[in-house]
Amino acid sequence: MKSFACAASLLALLLAAPALAAPAVYLTPDMASPKAVSLGGASFVNHGLVGAGRLAASTRDFRGDTLGSFSGMAVTEWRRTADGAYEGKLLTLPDRGPNGVGTVAGTTPYDNRVHAFDLAFRPLADGASGVAEQLTLTPTGGFLLKDDKGHAFTGMDPGEGVVFCGQAACPSALTGPGGFRISLDGEALARLADGGFYVGDEYAANIYRFDAHGALKGVIAPVAAVSPRKYGRPALSSEIKPQSGRRPNQGFEGVAVSPDGKRLFALLQSAAVQDSGESDAERAVARLFVYDIEKNPTPDAPIAEYALELPVLRTKGDGGAPDKVAAQSELLALSDHQFLVLARDGAGLGSGSARPAVYRSVLLVDTAGATNLAGAKNDAAGAAIAPGGVLAPGVVPASQAQLINLADRAELARVGVNLDNAAPNAATLPEKLESLAIIPALDPAAPNDVFLLVGSDNDFQTARGKVGELAFDAAPKAPEGASTADNDSLVLVYRLTLPADLAAQRRF
């Protein structure tokens, strides 16, 4: 059931003041798939799932370590072959390495990196079905992410350690396996025309700019309202709940660059601490920041800031009161004001829970007409735009509409993927769908068509894991505690029709 109400504790307030904005609520599993959507006067068509591909979780990378992905991705080359198939190249970003999974306790001194792949894709024919083998991913190498001294970033949790990268507070364990290296929990990859890229971080909510070879070139610090702080000090660890700023493990999960390369966007995974209520359903108001990077690739402050109200849901899917926000896992810019946002529940292979898939979608988002919140009033330390989880009066949030339902059973079955969370197997849809990439279909008969790639982050969940000298067993567990098959990295491929002006910007 879909309705427009807030969490249960806010329901009476909303009924008394119906003019207030509120997130959409999903109390039972959402299985309907939209086919045509209009938002802001623009029309989009979802033609459905046309393929998928898997990468075995036991795959080793260019360093001989377990290849974990895909927290972020970017297609760097793309062409259509004479027989109607496609070839290309892909970069992917794993997160901070295995942590708290299987036999791994806490974080590891994993060297942060980017992986490179060759792509081959042959879409499913209309009405056809099969297993997830239409897209082939072949690892071809990669590179480490390094600071200005040539030291690799590390996935180690920094604890209370802080170093300064210019004006930005950067997390660093200072001692132990992480040493003085900068700690990074990379969750988003936004590539530039020159091959350089930005990486969104969950520890400090910094945005790091790297060149095409992975060398650090600059850091964008978050506004004070987002920077995690406790007792007036930076609280950058994922294990410390700050008094204000980003929530633990809820930093800039989405980072994107506009097609013209002039704007950088960063979206929090869910609401900042001071924009939240007591329950997990009362942290739906995420902040979306806009930076002007046309002349300065690492600006000091955003030029715009908007509120995005993420959906909330009932995790059991039984019609009871909402108890969780559908936190966003990825942001993709279609223009300087139109976006795709991946919002989802926490169910699926790798979660260890039998909870049903209630909500996981790709949303269309438009900031045209939304209130620009940028400035000292809203961006000072502790400043709230949604006190108690309710958007402040007079604030117009970004508009949104569902474009793709990622939990459509019939669609997933076309590529051999199931939603059997109570008895998961290797073909069960993973919990963590976390990355998006868009590429042209290069079809003369449909010039405005594109393919949307949706990738999963498998959290290094394999029984045969290895990072450095550490061997580990992190095979995902079934709800009853028994090990299941490895959690392979999965990429789903959807075909969309975009408005002509947006499709024209998707060229290689």
Protein backbone atom coordinates (compact mmCIF):
# COMPACT_ATOMS: atom_id res chain seq x y z
CA MET A 1 0.00 0.00 0.00
CA LYS A 2 1.31 3.42 -0.90
CA SER A 3 0.19 6.54 0.94
CA PHE A 4 1.44 10.03 1.68
CA ALA A 5 1.93 10.26 5.42
CA CYS A 6 4.87 10.49 7.76
CA ALA A 7 6.00 8.09 10.45
CA ALA A 8 3.39 7.03 12.99
CA SER A 9 4.55 9.45 15.68
CA LEU A 10 4.06 12.35 13.25
CA LEU A 11 0.74 11.28 11.78
CA ALA A 12 -1.47 13.41 14.02
CA LEU A 13 0.63 16.49 13.32
CA LEU A 14 0.36 15.96 9.58
CA LEU A 15 -3.38 15.51 9.72
CA ALA A 16 -3.64 18.78 11.61
CA ALA A 17 -1.45 20.56 9.06
CA PRO A 18 -2.03 18.91 5.68
CA ALA A 19 -0.02 21.57 3.84
CA LEU A 20 3.21 20.17 5.26
CA ALA A 21 5.31 18.06 2.92
CA ALA A 22 5.76 14.40 3.87
CA PRO A 23 7.60 11.38 2.51
CA ALA A 24 5.80 8.57 0.70
CA VAL A 25 5.07 5.54 2.87
CA TYR A 26 5.18 1.87 1.82
CA LEU A 27 3.61 -0.46 4.38
CA THR A 28 3.39 -3.59 2.23
CA PRO A 29 5.71 -4.79 -0.57
CA ASP A 30 5.68 -2.47 -3.57
CA MET A 31 5.65 -4.67 -6.66
CA ALA A 32 4.11 -2.46 -9.35
CA SER A 33 6.39 -1.21 -12.12
CA PRO A 34 5.79 2.17 -13.73
CA LYS A 35 6.14 2.29 -17.51
CA ALA A 36 5.79 5.99 -18.28
CA VAL A 37 6.54 8.81 -15.85
CA SER A 38 6.26 12.59 -16.13
CA LEU A 39 8.06 14.97 -13.80
CA GLY A 40 8.58 18.69 -14.20
CA GLY A 41 6.98 18.59 -17.64
CA ALA A 42 9.43 15.94 -18.91
CA SER A 43 8.39 12.42 -19.88
CA PHE A 44 10.39 9.23 -19.29
CA VAL A 45 9.67 5.64 -20.34
CA ASN A 46 10.84 2.49 -18.55
CA HIS A 47 11.10 -0.39 -21.04
CA GLY A 48 12.12 -2.83 -18.31
CA LEU A 49 14.97 -5.16 -17.56
CA VAL A 50 16.93 -6.20 -20.66
CA GLY A 51 19.85 -8.04 -19.14
CA ALA A 52 22.10 -8.71 -16.18
CA GLY A 53 25.55 -9.99 -15.36
CA ARG A 54 27.42 -11.44 -12.40
CA LEU A 55 30.97 -11.30 -11.13
CA ALA A 56 31.88 -14.16 -8.79
CA ALA A 57 32.45 -12.96 -5.23
CA SER A 58 35.62 -15.08 -5.08
CA THR A 59 37.23 -13.13 -7.96
CA ARG A 60 40.68 -11.73 -7.16
CA ASP A 61 41.72 -8.24 -8.24
CA PHE A 62 44.96 -6.74 -9.60
CA ARG A 63 46.51 -6.90 -6.11
CA GLY A 64 45.54 -10.51 -5.52
CA ASP A 65 42.84 -9.47 -3.05
CA THR A 66 39.15 -10.33 -3.09
CA LEU A 67 37.47 -8.04 -5.61
CA GLY A 68 34.65 -6.29 -3.79
CA SER A 69 32.28 -4.02 -5.71
CA PHE A 70 30.24 -2.06 -6.78
CA SER A 71 29.74 0.95 -4.48
CA GLY A 72 30.19 3.27 -7.44
CA MET A 73 30.73 2.86 -11.18
CA ALA A 74 31.45 4.84 -14.34
CA VAL A 75 31.47 3.65 -17.96
CA THR A 76 34.48 5.17 -19.74
CA GLU A 77 34.10 3.72 -23.25
CA TRP A 78 31.04 2.40 -25.11
CA ARG A 79 30.24 1.31 -28.66
CA ARG A 80 27.71 -0.75 -30.56
CA THR A 81 29.03 -3.60 -32.69
CA ALA A 82 27.86 -4.52 -36.17
CA ASP A 83 25.73 -7.41 -34.87
CA GLY A 84 23.80 -5.25 -32.40
CA ALA A 85 25.81 -6.13 -29.30
CA TYR A 86 27.84 -3.68 -27.22
CA GLU A 87 31.39 -3.33 -25.88
CA GLY A 88 32.86 -0.92 -23.38
CA LYS A 89 35.05 -0.24 -20.38
CA LEU A 90 34.03 0.29 -16.78
CA LEU A 91 35.57 1.66 -13.58
CA THR A 92 34.15 0.56 -10.23
CA LEU A 93 34.71 1.63 -6.64
CA PRO A 94 34.68 -0.86 -3.76
CA ASP A 95 34.02 0.46 -0.28
CA ARG A 96 36.41 0.28 2.69
CA GLY A 97 37.11 -3.46 2.44
CA PRO A 98 35.67 -6.33 4.47
CA ASN A 99 34.44 -5.21 7.87
CA GLY A 100 32.38 -6.99 10.47
CA VAL A 101 31.50 -9.84 8.10
CA GLY A 102 32.07 -13.54 8.71
CA THR A 103 35.41 -14.09 10.41
CA VAL A 104 36.43 -10.44 9.96
CA ALA A 105 36.13 -8.39 13.16
CA GLY A 106 35.94 -4.65 12.55
CA THR A 107 37.71 -2.95 9.68
CA THR A 108 40.94 -3.96 7.95
CA PRO A 109 43.93 -2.01 6.57
CA TYR A 110 42.50 -2.40 3.06
CA ASP A 111 44.14 -0.12 0.49
CA ASN A 112 41.36 1.85 -1.20
CA ARG A 113 41.29 1.35 -4.95
CA VAL A 114 39.42 1.52 -8.24
CA HIS A 115 38.85 -1.54 -10.46
CA ALA A 116 38.84 -1.61 -14.27
CA PHE A 117 36.76 -3.95 -16.45
CA ASP A 118 35.98 -4.75 -20.05
CA LEU A 119 32.24 -4.93 -20.73
CA ALA A 120 30.35 -7.00 -23.28
CA PHE A 121 26.56 -6.79 -23.51
CA ARG A 122 23.92 -8.44 -25.66
CA PRO A 123 20.39 -7.41 -24.58
CA LEU A 124 17.61 -9.92 -24.15
CA ALA A 125 15.25 -10.09 -27.09
CA ASP A 126 11.68 -8.95 -26.48
CA GLY A 127 9.82 -11.60 -24.48
CA ALA A 128 12.95 -13.70 -23.93
CA SER A 129 14.29 -14.84 -20.57
CA GLY A 130 17.36 -16.56 -19.22
CA VAL A 131 19.98 -16.36 -16.49
CA ALA A 132 22.10 -13.34 -15.63
CA GLU A 133 24.66 -13.67 -18.41
CA GLN A 134 23.75 -10.97 -20.94
CA LEU A 135 26.42 -8.68 -19.46
CA THR A 136 29.98 -9.94 -19.09
CA LEU A 137 32.46 -8.18 -16.81
CA THR A 138 36.15 -9.04 -17.28
CA PRO A 139 38.61 -7.52 -14.75
CA THR A 140 41.53 -5.80 -16.49
CA GLY A 141 43.37 -4.10 -13.62
CA GLY A 142 42.97 -1.00 -11.53
CA PHE A 143 44.88 1.41 -9.31
CA LEU A 144 45.19 2.54 -5.70
CA LEU A 145 43.89 5.83 -4.33
CA LYS A 146 46.82 7.79 -2.87
CA ASP A 147 47.27 11.02 -0.91
CA ASP A 148 49.54 13.91 -1.88
CA LYS A 149 52.52 12.08 -0.34
CA GLY A 150 51.90 8.92 -2.34
CA HIS A 151 50.48 6.90 0.56
CA ALA A 152 47.48 4.71 -0.15
CA PHE A 153 44.21 5.56 1.55
CA THR A 154 43.03 2.89 4.00
CA GLY A 155 39.66 1.45 4.94
CA MET A 156 40.58 1.28 8.64
CA ASP A 157 38.14 3.03 10.95
CA PRO A 158 39.93 6.13 12.27
CA GLY A 159 38.57 6.03 15.80
CA GLU A 160 39.07 9.53 17.20
CA GLY A 161 42.03 10.28 14.92
CA VAL A 162 41.98 13.41 12.74
CA VAL A 163 44.48 15.03 10.39
CA PHE A 164 43.86 18.12 8.30
CA CYS A 165 43.89 18.16 4.51
CA GLY A 166 44.03 21.91 4.01
CA GLN A 167 40.85 23.18 5.67
CA ALA A 168 39.17 19.77 5.68
CA ALA A 169 39.21 17.40 8.65
CA CYS A 170 40.37 14.03 7.33
CA PRO A 171 39.99 10.80 9.31
CA SER A 172 43.18 8.94 10.23
CA ALA A 173 43.75 6.23 12.83
CA LEU A 174 47.21 7.76 13.55
CA THR A 175 48.41 4.48 15.09
CA GLY A 176 48.08 0.76 14.47
CA PRO A 177 47.58 -0.90 11.06
CA GLY A 178 46.09 2.26 9.54
CA GLY A 179 48.94 4.46 10.71
CA PHE A 180 48.89 8.06 9.55
CA ARG A 181 47.15 7.20 6.30
CA ILE A 182 43.81 8.84 5.52
CA SER A 183 40.85 6.58 6.22
CA LEU A 184 38.28 6.37 3.44
CA ASP A 185 34.94 4.62 3.18
CA GLY A 186 34.31 5.34 -0.49
CA GLU A 187 30.69 5.05 -1.57
CA ALA A 188 30.34 7.10 -4.76
CA LEU A 189 32.37 7.67 -7.93
CA ALA A 190 31.76 10.65 -10.24
CA ARG A 191 34.03 10.81 -13.28
CA LEU A 192 35.18 13.96 -15.10
CA ALA A 193 35.90 14.46 -18.80
CA ASP A 194 39.67 14.47 -18.21
CA GLY A 195 39.54 11.05 -16.55
CA GLY A 196 39.79 12.42 -13.02
CA PHE A 197 37.00 11.75 -10.57
CA TYR A 198 35.40 12.55 -7.24
CA VAL A 199 34.83 10.02 -4.46
CA GLY A 200 32.16 10.49 -1.78
CA ASP A 201 33.15 9.42 1.73
CA GLU A 202 31.14 8.14 4.69
CA TYR A 203 33.65 8.73 7.48
CA ALA A 204 34.03 12.53 7.27
CA ALA A 205 31.45 13.23 4.55
CA ASN A 206 34.34 14.72 2.57
CA ILE A 207 34.47 14.65 -1.22
CA TYR A 208 37.93 13.74 -2.53
CA ARG A 209 39.12 14.72 -6.01
CA PHE A 210 41.61 12.42 -7.73
CA ASP A 211 43.36 12.52 -11.08
CA ALA A 212 42.93 9.74 -13.64
CA HIS A 213 45.66 7.70 -11.92
CA GLY A 214 44.21 7.92 -8.41
CA ALA A 215 46.42 10.70 -7.01
CA LEU A 216 44.69 13.09 -4.60
CA LYS A 217 44.27 16.61 -6.00
CA GLY A 218 41.94 18.23 -3.50
CA VAL A 219 39.30 17.83 -0.82
CA ILE A 220 35.87 19.42 -0.46
CA ALA A 221 34.85 19.61 3.18
CA PRO A 222 31.15 19.34 4.04
CA VAL A 223 29.27 22.28 5.48
CA ALA A 224 29.43 22.41 9.27
CA ALA A 225 25.85 21.14 9.57
CA VAL A 226 26.90 17.88 7.89
CA SER A 227 30.37 17.47 9.41
CA PRO A 228 29.96 14.91 12.24
CA ARG A 229 30.74 16.46 15.62
CA LYS A 230 30.52 15.44 19.26
CA TYR A 231 31.29 17.79 22.15
CA GLY A 232 32.52 20.32 19.61
CA ARG A 233 35.11 17.99 18.08
CA PRO A 234 35.14 16.02 14.82
CA ALA A 235 33.59 12.56 15.30
CA LEU A 236 34.64 10.83 12.09
CA SER A 237 34.51 7.19 13.17
CA SER A 238 31.67 5.00 11.94
CA GLU A 239 31.43 3.65 15.50
CA ILE A 240 30.74 6.99 17.20
CA LYS A 241 27.27 8.54 17.06
CA PRO A 242 27.77 12.29 16.60
CA GLN A 243 25.57 14.92 18.20
CA SER A 244 25.15 16.66 14.85
CA GLY A 245 26.09 16.07 11.23
CA ARG A 246 25.96 12.93 9.16
CA ARG A 247 24.80 9.76 10.90
CA PRO A 248 27.25 6.84 11.29
CA ASN A 249 27.73 5.11 7.92
CA GLN A 250 25.36 7.66 6.35
CA GLY A 251 27.68 10.12 4.59
CA PHE A 252 27.79 11.15 0.95
CA GLU A 253 26.50 7.91 -0.53
CA GLY A 254 25.66 9.75 -3.75
CA VAL A 255 28.03 12.03 -5.69
CA ALA A 256 27.50 13.04 -9.32
CA VAL A 257 28.70 15.51 -11.96
CA SER A 258 26.33 17.22 -14.39
CA PRO A 259 26.69 16.13 -18.03
CA ASP A 260 28.27 19.49 -18.94
CA GLY A 261 30.86 19.09 -16.19
CA LYS A 262 29.99 22.40 -14.51
CA ARG A 263 28.22 21.19 -11.39
CA LEU A 264 29.02 18.66 -8.68
CA PHE A 265 26.22 17.18 -6.57
CA ALA A 266 26.40 15.36 -3.24
CA LEU A 267 23.51 13.66 -1.45
CA LEU A 268 23.49 12.35 2.12
CA GLN A 269 22.33 8.77 2.51
CA SER A 270 19.58 9.91 4.88
CA ALA A 271 18.91 12.79 7.27
CA ALA A 272 21.60 14.41 9.38
CA VAL A 273 21.37 13.74 13.12
CA GLN A 274 19.72 17.11 13.86
CA ASP A 275 17.23 16.55 11.01
CA SER A 276 16.00 13.28 12.52
CA GLY A 277 13.41 12.12 15.02
CA GLU A 278 13.62 9.21 17.43
CA SER A 279 12.72 6.40 15.03
CA ASP A 280 14.46 5.21 11.87
CA ALA A 281 11.37 6.30 9.93
CA GLU A 282 11.97 9.88 11.05
CA ARG A 283 15.22 10.49 9.18
CA ALA A 284 13.81 10.84 5.69
CA VAL A 285 14.91 14.42 4.90
CA ALA A 286 18.25 14.09 3.12
CA ARG A 287 20.29 17.11 2.04
CA LEU A 288 21.37 17.52 -1.60
CA PHE A 289 24.25 19.94 -2.22
CA VAL A 290 25.26 21.66 -5.46
CA TYR A 291 28.81 22.92 -6.09
CA ASP A 292 30.08 25.09 -8.95
CA ILE A 293 33.19 23.30 -10.29
CA GLU A 294 33.48 25.09 -13.63
CA LYS A 295 36.50 27.18 -12.55
CA ASN A 296 37.44 25.71 -9.17
CA PRO A 297 37.20 21.90 -8.90
CA THR A 298 37.30 22.01 -5.08
CA PRO A 299 35.07 24.94 -4.04
CA ASP A 300 34.78 26.03 -0.43
CA ALA A 301 30.98 26.09 -0.24
CA PRO A 302 27.91 24.92 -2.14
CA ILE A 303 25.95 27.32 -4.32
CA ALA A 304 22.69 25.51 -3.60
CA GLU A 305 21.21 23.00 -1.18
CA TYR A 306 17.88 21.19 -1.35
CA ALA A 307 15.81 18.86 0.79
CA LEU A 308 14.87 15.45 -0.60
CA GLU A 309 12.24 13.47 1.31
CA LEU A 310 13.10 9.80 0.97
CA PRO A 311 10.33 7.18 1.20
CA VAL A 312 9.71 5.37 4.49
CA LEU A 313 8.50 1.80 4.89
CA ARG A 314 7.41 -1.02 7.15
CA THR A 315 10.29 -3.53 7.22
CA LYS A 316 7.98 -6.52 7.84
CA GLY A 317 5.72 -5.45 5.00
CA ASP A 318 2.70 -6.39 7.09
CA GLY A 319 0.82 -3.10 6.94
CA GLY A 320 1.95 -1.87 10.36
CA ALA A 321 3.42 1.53 11.14
CA PRO A 322 6.49 2.61 9.14
CA ASP A 323 9.75 1.91 10.97
CA LYS A 324 12.55 2.61 8.48
CA VAL A 325 13.64 5.10 5.85
CA ALA A 326 14.47 3.86 2.35
CA ALA A 327 17.94 5.37 2.51
CA GLN A 328 19.46 6.36 -0.81
CA SER A 329 22.48 4.51 -2.19
CA GLU A 330 23.35 6.40 -5.38
CA LEU A 331 22.86 9.66 -7.25
CA LEU A 332 23.14 10.17 -11.02
CA ALA A 333 22.78 13.59 -12.65
CA LEU A 334 20.69 13.83 -15.83
CA SER A 335 21.03 17.64 -16.01
CA ASP A 336 21.79 20.50 -13.63
CA HIS A 337 18.46 19.90 -11.84
CA GLN A 338 17.22 16.40 -12.77
CA PHE A 339 18.55 13.23 -11.18
CA LEU A 340 18.15 9.52 -10.68
CA VAL A 341 18.29 8.39 -7.04
CA LEU A 342 18.47 4.77 -5.87
CA ALA A 343 16.46 4.33 -2.65
CA ARG A 344 15.95 0.97 -0.99
CA ASP A 345 15.18 -1.11 2.06
CA GLY A 346 17.80 -3.34 3.72
CA ALA A 347 16.41 -6.71 2.64
CA GLY A 348 17.99 -9.26 0.33
CA LEU A 349 20.94 -11.61 -0.04
CA GLY A 350 23.67 -10.65 2.41
CA SER A 351 21.40 -9.10 5.03
CA GLY A 352 20.96 -12.31 7.03
CA SER A 353 17.28 -11.49 7.43
CA ALA A 354 14.11 -13.11 6.11
CA ARG A 355 12.40 -9.72 5.77
CA PRO A 356 10.60 -9.28 2.44
CA ALA A 357 11.66 -6.80 -0.19
CA VAL A 358 9.27 -3.94 0.56
CA TYR A 359 10.74 -1.03 -1.36
CA ARG A 360 13.69 -0.57 -3.72
CA SER A 361 13.42 1.89 -6.56
CA VAL A 362 15.16 4.26 -8.91
CA LEU A 363 13.52 7.64 -8.41
CA LEU A 364 13.35 10.62 -10.73
CA VAL A 365 14.17 13.76 -8.77
CA ASP A 366 13.89 17.40 -9.87
CA THR A 367 15.09 20.39 -7.84
CA ALA A 368 13.39 22.97 -10.07
CA GLY A 369 11.06 24.94 -7.81
CA ALA A 370 12.57 23.56 -4.60
CA THR A 371 13.75 25.89 -1.84
CA ASN A 372 17.46 26.73 -1.95
CA LEU A 373 18.62 26.22 1.64
CA ALA A 374 22.31 27.09 1.19
CA GLY A 375 23.71 29.64 3.61
CA ALA A 376 24.83 30.21 7.18
CA LYS A 377 21.35 29.80 8.68
CA ASN A 378 21.00 26.17 7.60
CA ASP A 379 24.64 25.14 7.26
CA ALA A 380 26.08 26.11 10.65
CA ALA A 381 27.03 23.31 13.04
CA GLY A 382 23.85 21.79 14.46
CA ALA A 383 21.52 23.77 12.20
CA ALA A 384 18.37 21.82 11.32
CA ILE A 385 16.13 21.96 8.26
CA ALA A 386 13.83 19.22 9.60
CA PRO A 387 13.65 19.38 13.41
CA GLY A 388 12.39 16.08 14.77
CA GLY A 389 12.38 14.67 11.25
CA VAL A 390 9.70 17.05 9.95
CA LEU A 391 10.64 19.44 7.17
CA ALA A 392 10.56 23.05 8.39
CA PRO A 393 7.47 25.08 7.38
CA GLY A 394 7.84 26.93 4.10
CA VAL A 395 10.55 24.63 2.72
CA VAL A 396 9.64 23.12 -0.65
CA PRO A 397 11.47 19.81 -1.17
CA ALA A 398 12.66 18.42 -4.49
CA SER A 399 9.90 16.73 -6.48
CA GLN A 400 10.14 13.03 -7.24
CA ALA A 401 8.50 10.09 -8.98
CA GLN A 402 9.26 6.38 -9.15
CA LEU A 403 10.85 5.40 -12.48
CA ILE A 404 11.97 1.80 -11.86
CA ASN A 405 10.75 -0.71 -9.29
CA LEU A 406 13.80 -2.87 -8.61
CA ALA A 407 11.66 -5.43 -6.75
CA ASP A 408 9.44 -6.42 -9.68
CA ARG A 409 9.38 -10.23 -9.44
CA ALA A 410 8.35 -10.81 -13.04
CA GLU A 411 11.07 -8.52 -14.38
CA LEU A 412 13.77 -10.09 -12.22
CA ALA A 413 12.70 -13.59 -13.23
CA ARG A 414 13.58 -12.74 -16.85
CA VAL A 415 17.25 -12.83 -15.83
CA GLY A 416 16.96 -15.63 -13.27
CA VAL A 417 16.93 -13.42 -10.16
CA ASN A 418 14.53 -14.11 -7.27
CA LEU A 419 13.29 -12.32 -4.14
CA ASP A 420 13.29 -15.39 -1.87
CA ASN A 421 14.79 -13.69 1.18
CA ALA A 422 13.48 -16.35 3.58
CA ALA A 423 15.49 -19.05 1.77
CA PRO A 424 18.16 -17.14 -0.17
CA ASN A 425 20.44 -18.70 -2.73
CA ALA A 426 23.00 -17.47 -5.26
CA ALA A 427 20.21 -16.08 -7.48
CA THR A 428 18.52 -13.98 -4.76
CA LEU A 429 18.57 -10.23 -5.32
CA PRO A 430 21.37 -8.74 -3.16
CA GLU A 431 20.58 -6.43 -0.28
CA LYS A 432 22.93 -3.65 -1.34
CA LEU A 433 22.11 -2.25 -4.76
CA GLU A 434 24.40 0.77 -4.62
CA SER A 435 25.58 2.06 -8.00
CA LEU A 436 24.19 3.53 -11.22
CA ALA A 437 25.66 4.25 -14.64
CA ILE A 438 23.88 5.42 -17.78
CA ILE A 439 24.97 4.82 -21.38
CA PRO A 440 23.35 5.41 -24.78
CA ALA A 441 21.62 2.56 -26.59
CA LEU A 442 23.08 3.89 -29.87
CA ASP A 443 19.96 2.70 -31.64
CA PRO A 444 19.15 4.70 -34.79
CA ALA A 445 15.51 3.63 -34.49
CA ALA A 446 15.32 4.92 -30.89
CA PRO A 447 17.86 7.76 -30.56
CA ASN A 448 16.61 8.81 -27.11
CA ASP A 449 17.01 5.37 -25.54
CA VAL A 450 19.66 4.59 -22.93
CA PHE A 451 20.71 1.67 -20.77
CA LEU A 452 20.81 2.10 -17.00
CA LEU A 453 23.22 -0.16 -15.11
CA VAL A 454 22.36 -0.90 -11.47
CA GLY A 455 25.19 -2.57 -9.54
CA SER A 456 25.43 -4.26 -6.15
CA ASP A 457 27.98 -3.89 -3.36
CA ASN A 458 28.59 -7.43 -2.08
CA ASP A 459 30.54 -6.41 1.05
CA PHE A 460 33.28 -8.94 0.15
CA GLN A 461 30.90 -11.75 1.13
CA THR A 462 32.68 -14.88 -0.03
CA ALA A 463 33.76 -18.03 1.78
CA ARG A 464 37.17 -17.73 0.12
CA GLY A 465 38.13 -14.17 0.96
CA LYS A 466 41.59 -12.63 1.07
CA VAL A 467 42.90 -9.11 1.74
CA GLY A 468 46.66 -8.81 2.10
CA GLU A 469 47.77 -11.54 4.49
CA LEU A 470 44.27 -11.94 5.92
CA ALA A 471 42.25 -14.93 4.73
CA PHE A 472 38.60 -14.88 5.76
CA ASP A 473 35.24 -16.60 5.41
CA ALA A 474 32.49 -14.04 4.91
CA ALA A 475 29.89 -16.15 3.14
CA PRO A 476 26.45 -14.61 3.76
CA LYS A 477 24.20 -16.30 6.27
CA ALA A 478 20.66 -17.49 5.72
CA PRO A 479 18.05 -16.34 8.27
CA GLU A 480 18.46 -19.59 10.24
CA GLY A 481 22.23 -19.00 10.45
CA ALA A 482 23.50 -21.47 7.87
CA SER A 483 25.86 -20.26 5.16
CA THR A 484 24.43 -19.67 1.71
CA ALA A 485 26.20 -19.35 -1.60
CA ASP A 486 28.63 -16.47 -2.08
CA ASN A 487 27.14 -13.03 -2.63
CA ASP A 488 28.26 -12.33 -6.20
CA SER A 489 28.39 -8.77 -7.51
CA LEU A 490 25.32 -8.28 -9.71
CA VAL A 491 24.61 -5.70 -12.41
CA LEU A 492 21.05 -5.24 -13.71
CA VAL A 493 20.51 -3.46 -17.04
CA TYR A 494 17.31 -1.51 -17.79
CA ARG A 495 16.32 0.26 -21.00
CA LEU A 496 14.84 3.76 -20.73
CA THR A 497 13.67 6.50 -23.06
CA LEU A 498 14.75 9.97 -21.94
CA PRO A 499 13.53 13.36 -23.11
CA ALA A 500 15.45 14.31 -26.26
CA ASP A 501 17.46 17.08 -24.60
CA LEU A 502 18.68 14.75 -21.85
CA ALA A 503 19.42 11.86 -24.19
CA ALA A 504 21.52 14.14 -26.41
CA GLN A 505 23.97 14.61 -23.53
CA ARG A 506 24.64 10.86 -23.28
CA ARG A 507 27.21 10.44 -26.02
CA PHE A 508 30.58 8.68 -26.15
